[in-house]
Amino acid sequence: MRICLVCSLVRPEEKMLLEAFHKRGVEVDVVDDRKVVFDLTDLSPWRQYDVCFERTVSQSRALYIQRIMKLAGVRTVNTHEVIENCGDKFITTQLLMQHGVPTTRVMMAFTPASALEAIERLGYPCVLKPVIGSWGRGVVRVNDRDAAEAVVTLRDELGGYAQHIYYIQEHVRKPGRDIRSFVVGDRTIAAIYRTSEHWITNTHLGGKASNCPVTPELDAISVAAAKAVGGGIVAVDIFEDPERGLLVNEVNHTMEFRNSVPATGVDIPGAMADYVIAVARGEIG
């Protein structure tokens, strides 16, 4: 069995994954997405691999690499469909709604005037997000009309087409934390609370990780969200609404877990490696 692990950097997560594969006696070739070149007229060199495991930090690179691997006939984790479904917040929201997964209220608009109208209809505070992005970049909370006008004007003047797609989300009154659950295949293997005094709770922005019990309710909504976007290995970000209960916020296709292993005591990279090996053997997918 041969596995190709494509990444941008060998971060702590990739080191943990490589160790997990090594313990299982599986050969892994690490491919740097910054240096790789694909000859689309001859993809035969890539057919030596049983599976391509994507761990790149660039969504666009991940998407195209996994499309190329599919063209070469190589199995992939995650698939390019999952990357696309998770990478665009509108598509994620669309799929969650179509599959009946509880999620937040979202409004869309495409001009500054209609965006301001949508914000007023949704009410303050609300949250504006870029449809494509991660790590909380470009996410802003709008507390009043002055702030709304400033953000919308800036977005309009930035010029890129993505800036002119206004994804406007309700502000959920979460209890100073949110939940990130880790789904591998059809199972929620672990979950953490991400707690912060700031309204954005991402751990790389200072949020503190602690163990969150995987209740039947949390497992059900996490697995449902994962299936909605196409399955595989994903992290699901969930809000605790005081009235409506659990609401899925986002689904992440290349999850980070360095802070979650010590917090939960769960061998997350081991579970991921086992899943990738099962895909390579044709037991899944």
Protein backbone atom coordinates (compact mmCIF):
# COMPACT_ATOMS: atom_id res chain seq x y z
CA MET A 1 0.00 0.00 0.00
CA ARG A 2 1.26 3.46 -0.87
CA ILE A 3 -0.21 6.71 0.35
CA CYS A 4 0.47 10.20 -0.96
CA LEU A 5 0.10 12.92 1.66
CA VAL A 6 -0.10 16.34 0.05
CA CYS A 7 0.60 19.29 2.33
CA SER A 8 1.90 22.84 2.30
CA LEU A 9 3.94 22.51 5.49
CA VAL A 10 4.71 19.61 7.80
CA ARG A 11 2.94 21.05 10.82
CA PRO A 12 2.44 19.27 14.16
CA GLU A 13 -0.71 17.67 12.72
CA GLU A 14 1.16 16.20 9.76
CA LYS A 15 3.93 14.92 12.04
CA MET A 16 1.34 13.19 14.19
CA LEU A 17 -0.31 11.68 11.13
CA LEU A 18 2.99 10.42 9.73
CA GLU A 19 3.75 8.79 13.07
CA ALA A 20 0.32 7.15 13.06
CA PHE A 21 0.90 5.69 9.59
CA HIS A 22 4.40 4.56 10.61
CA LYS A 23 2.98 2.67 13.60
CA ARG A 24 0.66 0.89 11.18
CA GLY A 25 3.52 -0.05 8.85
CA VAL A 26 2.19 2.03 5.97
CA GLU A 27 4.46 3.84 3.52
CA VAL A 28 3.66 7.52 3.02
CA ASP A 29 5.19 9.88 0.49
CA VAL A 30 4.95 13.56 1.44
CA VAL A 31 4.30 15.88 -1.50
CA ASP A 32 4.83 19.64 -1.12
CA ASP A 33 1.98 21.44 -2.88
CA ARG A 34 4.24 24.47 -3.39
CA LYS A 35 6.62 22.47 -5.59
CA VAL A 36 4.56 19.77 -7.25
CA VAL A 37 4.01 19.85 -11.02
CA PHE A 38 1.32 17.79 -12.75
CA ASP A 39 1.57 16.82 -16.39
CA LEU A 40 -2.09 16.43 -17.25
CA THR A 41 -1.22 14.55 -20.43
CA ASP A 42 0.60 11.87 -18.42
CA LEU A 43 -0.63 11.19 -14.91
CA SER A 44 0.71 7.64 -14.81
CA PRO A 45 3.35 8.43 -12.11
CA TRP A 46 0.53 9.18 -9.66
CA ARG A 47 -1.18 5.85 -10.23
CA GLN A 48 1.37 4.18 -7.95
CA TYR A 49 -0.66 5.51 -5.03
CA ASP A 50 -3.68 3.81 -3.52
CA VAL A 51 -4.95 7.06 -2.04
CA CYS A 52 -4.08 10.75 -1.94
CA PHE A 53 -4.61 12.29 1.51
CA GLU A 54 -4.97 16.07 1.27
CA ARG A 55 -3.60 18.26 4.09
CA THR A 56 -2.85 21.52 2.27
CA VAL A 57 -3.61 24.89 3.86
CA SER A 58 -4.77 26.29 0.52
CA GLN A 59 -8.34 25.48 -0.42
CA SER A 60 -7.73 26.21 -4.11
CA ARG A 61 -4.70 23.92 -4.24
CA ALA A 62 -6.55 21.19 -2.37
CA LEU A 63 -9.50 21.42 -4.73
CA TYR A 64 -7.45 21.19 -7.92
CA ILE A 65 -5.05 18.55 -6.64
CA GLN A 66 -7.88 16.23 -5.67
CA ARG A 67 -9.58 16.85 -9.01
CA ILE A 68 -6.32 15.88 -10.73
CA MET A 69 -6.04 12.77 -8.59
CA LYS A 70 -9.55 11.78 -9.58
CA LEU A 71 -8.56 12.28 -13.22
CA ALA A 72 -5.62 9.93 -12.59
CA GLY A 73 -7.95 7.35 -11.05
CA VAL A 74 -6.51 7.69 -7.54
CA ARG A 75 -8.80 7.50 -4.49
CA THR A 76 -8.85 10.69 -2.41
CA VAL A 77 -9.42 11.86 1.17
CA ASN A 78 -11.15 14.22 1.21
CA THR A 79 -12.74 14.25 -2.23
CA HIS A 80 -12.79 17.42 -4.29
CA GLU A 81 -16.57 17.54 -3.85
CA VAL A 82 -16.21 17.69 -0.06
CA ILE A 83 -13.53 20.38 -0.34
CA GLU A 84 -15.79 22.50 -2.53
CA ASN A 85 -18.82 21.94 -0.32
CA CYS A 86 -16.96 22.92 2.85
CA GLY A 87 -14.87 25.68 1.32
CA ASP A 88 -17.79 27.83 0.20
CA LYS A 89 -19.98 28.92 3.11
CA PHE A 90 -23.03 29.36 0.91
CA ILE A 91 -22.73 25.83 -0.46
CA THR A 92 -22.27 24.49 3.08
CA THR A 93 -25.37 26.34 4.26
CA GLN A 94 -27.34 25.19 1.23
CA LEU A 95 -26.47 21.53 1.85
CA LEU A 96 -27.18 21.74 5.58
CA MET A 97 -30.62 23.17 4.85
CA GLN A 98 -31.36 20.64 2.13
CA HIS A 99 -30.51 17.79 4.50
CA GLY A 100 -32.48 19.21 7.41
CA VAL A 101 -29.45 19.88 9.61
CA PRO A 102 -30.15 22.66 12.15
CA THR A 103 -28.14 25.74 11.26
CA THR A 104 -28.15 29.49 11.68
CA ARG A 105 -30.27 32.04 9.84
CA VAL A 106 -28.38 33.46 6.87
CA MET A 107 -29.20 36.17 4.33
CA MET A 108 -27.45 36.77 1.01
CA ALA A 109 -27.13 39.96 -1.02
CA PHE A 110 -25.00 41.21 -3.92
CA THR A 111 -24.93 45.00 -3.78
CA PRO A 112 -24.18 47.47 -0.95
CA ALA A 113 -27.78 48.68 -0.87
CA SER A 114 -29.29 45.21 -0.72
CA ALA A 115 -26.69 44.11 1.81
CA LEU A 116 -27.68 46.96 4.12
CA GLU A 117 -31.33 46.04 3.68
CA ALA A 118 -30.55 42.43 4.57
CA ILE A 119 -28.58 43.49 7.65
CA GLU A 120 -31.46 45.69 8.83
CA ARG A 121 -33.95 42.85 8.31
CA LEU A 122 -31.76 40.37 10.18
CA GLY A 123 -31.12 42.83 13.00
CA TYR A 124 -28.14 43.89 15.10
CA PRO A 125 -25.76 42.46 15.99
CA CYS A 126 -25.10 40.23 13.00
CA VAL A 127 -22.03 38.73 11.38
CA LEU A 128 -20.61 39.29 7.91
CA LYS A 129 -18.36 36.59 6.49
CA PRO A 130 -16.52 36.09 3.23
CA VAL A 131 -18.07 33.11 1.44
CA ILE A 132 -14.58 31.62 1.04
CA GLY A 133 -12.08 31.80 3.89
CA SER A 134 -10.95 30.20 7.13
CA TRP A 135 -9.36 30.89 10.53
CA GLY A 136 -11.81 33.74 11.16
CA ARG A 137 -10.23 35.98 8.53
CA GLY A 138 -12.55 38.69 7.26
CA VAL A 139 -15.28 37.79 9.76
CA VAL A 140 -16.78 40.90 11.37
CA ARG A 141 -19.56 41.56 13.84
CA VAL A 142 -21.78 44.49 12.95
CA ASN A 143 -23.40 46.16 15.95
CA ASP A 144 -25.18 49.13 14.40
CA ARG A 145 -26.00 50.98 11.18
CA ASP A 146 -22.78 53.02 11.18
CA ALA A 147 -20.67 49.87 11.40
CA ALA A 148 -22.76 48.18 8.71
CA GLU A 149 -22.27 51.07 6.30
CA ALA A 150 -18.52 51.13 6.97
CA VAL A 151 -18.06 47.38 6.40
CA VAL A 152 -20.24 47.25 3.31
CA THR A 153 -18.55 50.30 1.79
CA LEU A 154 -15.11 48.81 2.39
CA ARG A 155 -16.14 45.48 0.90
CA ASP A 156 -17.55 47.24 -2.15
CA GLU A 157 -14.35 49.22 -2.70
CA LEU A 158 -12.04 46.22 -2.36
CA GLY A 159 -13.11 45.14 -5.81
CA GLY A 160 -12.74 41.35 -5.79
CA TYR A 161 -15.86 39.48 -6.86
CA ALA A 162 -15.96 37.47 -3.63
CA GLN A 163 -16.14 40.73 -1.65
CA HIS A 164 -19.36 41.58 -3.47
CA ILE A 165 -21.12 38.44 -2.26
CA TYR A 166 -22.56 39.36 1.12
CA TYR A 167 -23.08 36.37 3.41
CA ILE A 168 -24.85 37.74 6.47
CA GLN A 169 -25.38 35.47 9.46
CA GLU A 170 -27.35 35.94 12.64
CA HIS A 171 -25.31 36.48 15.79
CA VAL A 172 -25.98 33.53 18.08
CA ARG A 173 -25.89 34.24 21.81
CA LYS A 174 -23.47 31.43 22.58
CA PRO A 175 -22.24 30.94 26.18
CA GLY A 176 -18.69 32.24 25.64
CA ARG A 177 -17.76 29.11 23.72
CA ASP A 178 -18.57 26.95 20.76
CA ILE A 179 -18.08 23.27 20.00
CA ARG A 180 -15.81 21.66 17.44
CA SER A 181 -16.53 18.00 16.81
CA PHE A 182 -14.36 15.62 14.80
CA VAL A 183 -16.10 13.24 12.44
CA VAL A 184 -14.25 10.36 10.80
CA GLY A 185 -16.47 8.43 8.44
CA ASP A 186 -19.78 7.88 10.19
CA ARG A 187 -18.58 8.48 13.75
CA THR A 188 -17.92 11.49 15.95
CA ILE A 189 -14.64 10.46 17.55
CA ALA A 190 -14.12 13.51 19.81
CA ALA A 191 -15.21 17.07 20.50
CA ILE A 192 -13.85 20.14 22.24
CA TYR A 193 -15.24 23.32 23.67
CA ARG A 194 -13.45 26.40 22.36
CA THR A 195 -13.76 29.05 25.04
CA SER A 196 -12.76 32.69 24.69
CA GLU A 197 -13.59 36.13 26.04
CA HIS A 198 -13.63 37.26 22.41
CA TRP A 199 -16.73 36.48 20.35
CA ILE A 200 -14.56 34.58 17.85
CA THR A 201 -13.41 31.42 19.61
CA ASN A 202 -10.89 29.93 17.14
CA THR A 203 -8.01 28.37 19.06
CA HIS A 204 -5.39 29.98 16.83
CA LEU A 205 -6.86 33.34 17.91
CA GLY A 206 -6.54 32.48 21.58
CA GLY A 207 -9.53 30.25 22.25
CA LYS A 208 -8.88 27.57 24.89
CA ALA A 209 -9.64 23.94 24.10
CA SER A 210 -11.23 21.63 26.65
CA ASN A 211 -12.96 18.29 26.37
CA CYS A 212 -16.60 18.25 25.29
CA PRO A 213 -18.53 15.03 25.93
CA VAL A 214 -19.84 13.43 22.74
CA THR A 215 -23.50 13.03 23.61
CA PRO A 216 -25.93 11.20 21.32
CA GLU A 217 -27.35 14.59 20.28
CA LEU A 218 -23.92 15.99 19.43
CA ASP A 219 -22.96 12.83 17.56
CA ALA A 220 -26.19 12.89 15.56
CA ILE A 221 -25.91 16.51 14.41
CA SER A 222 -22.18 16.19 13.70
CA VAL A 223 -22.56 13.07 11.56
CA ALA A 224 -25.56 14.58 9.78
CA ALA A 225 -23.53 17.69 8.93
CA ALA A 226 -20.63 15.56 7.70
CA LYS A 227 -22.92 13.48 5.49
CA ALA A 228 -24.55 16.63 4.11
CA VAL A 229 -21.24 17.85 2.69
CA GLY A 230 -20.21 14.44 1.38
CA GLY A 231 -18.57 12.67 4.32
CA GLY A 232 -14.94 11.78 4.92
CA ILE A 233 -12.83 13.41 7.62
CA VAL A 234 -14.23 16.74 8.76
CA ALA A 235 -14.52 19.04 11.75
CA VAL A 236 -17.92 20.52 12.52
CA ASP A 237 -18.27 23.87 14.28
CA ILE A 238 -21.43 24.06 16.37
CA PHE A 239 -23.16 26.80 18.35
CA GLU A 240 -25.19 26.24 21.51
CA ASP A 241 -28.26 28.43 21.15
CA PRO A 242 -30.12 29.01 24.44
CA GLU A 243 -33.51 28.41 22.79
CA ARG A 244 -32.94 26.25 19.71
CA GLY A 245 -30.17 23.99 20.99
CA LEU A 246 -27.30 22.90 18.75
CA LEU A 247 -26.83 24.73 15.44
CA VAL A 248 -24.15 23.89 12.88
CA ASN A 249 -22.07 26.92 11.95
CA GLU A 250 -19.47 25.55 9.52
CA VAL A 251 -17.84 22.32 8.35
CA ASN A 252 -14.06 22.15 7.82
CA HIS A 253 -12.45 19.81 5.29
CA THR A 254 -8.79 20.01 6.46
CA MET A 255 -9.11 20.00 10.22
CA GLU A 256 -6.47 20.98 12.74
CA PHE A 257 -6.26 18.96 15.93
CA ARG A 258 -2.96 19.65 17.70
CA ASN A 259 -4.76 21.24 20.68
CA SER A 260 -7.59 18.72 20.67
CA VAL A 261 -5.63 15.50 21.25
CA PRO A 262 -4.37 16.51 24.72
CA ALA A 263 -7.72 18.10 25.58
CA THR A 264 -9.76 15.01 24.73
CA GLY A 265 -7.27 12.18 25.21
CA VAL A 266 -8.47 10.74 21.89
CA ASP A 267 -6.03 9.46 19.27
CA ILE A 268 -7.43 11.64 16.50
CA PRO A 269 -4.55 11.10 14.04
CA GLY A 270 -4.77 7.35 14.60
CA ALA A 271 -8.47 7.33 13.72
CA MET A 272 -7.74 9.45 10.64
CA ALA A 273 -4.96 7.09 9.53
CA ASP A 274 -7.22 4.06 9.95
CA TYR A 275 -9.87 5.72 7.78
CA VAL A 276 -7.40 6.64 5.02
CA ILE A 277 -6.03 3.09 5.01
CA ALA A 278 -9.57 1.70 4.69
CA VAL A 279 -10.18 4.00 1.70
CA ALA A 280 -6.89 2.87 0.15
CA ARG A 281 -7.99 -0.76 0.49
CA GLY A 282 -11.31 0.00 -1.17
CA GLU A 283 -13.27 -0.74 1.99
CA ILE A 284 -14.80 2.76 2.01
CA GLY A 285 -15.99 4.94 -0.83
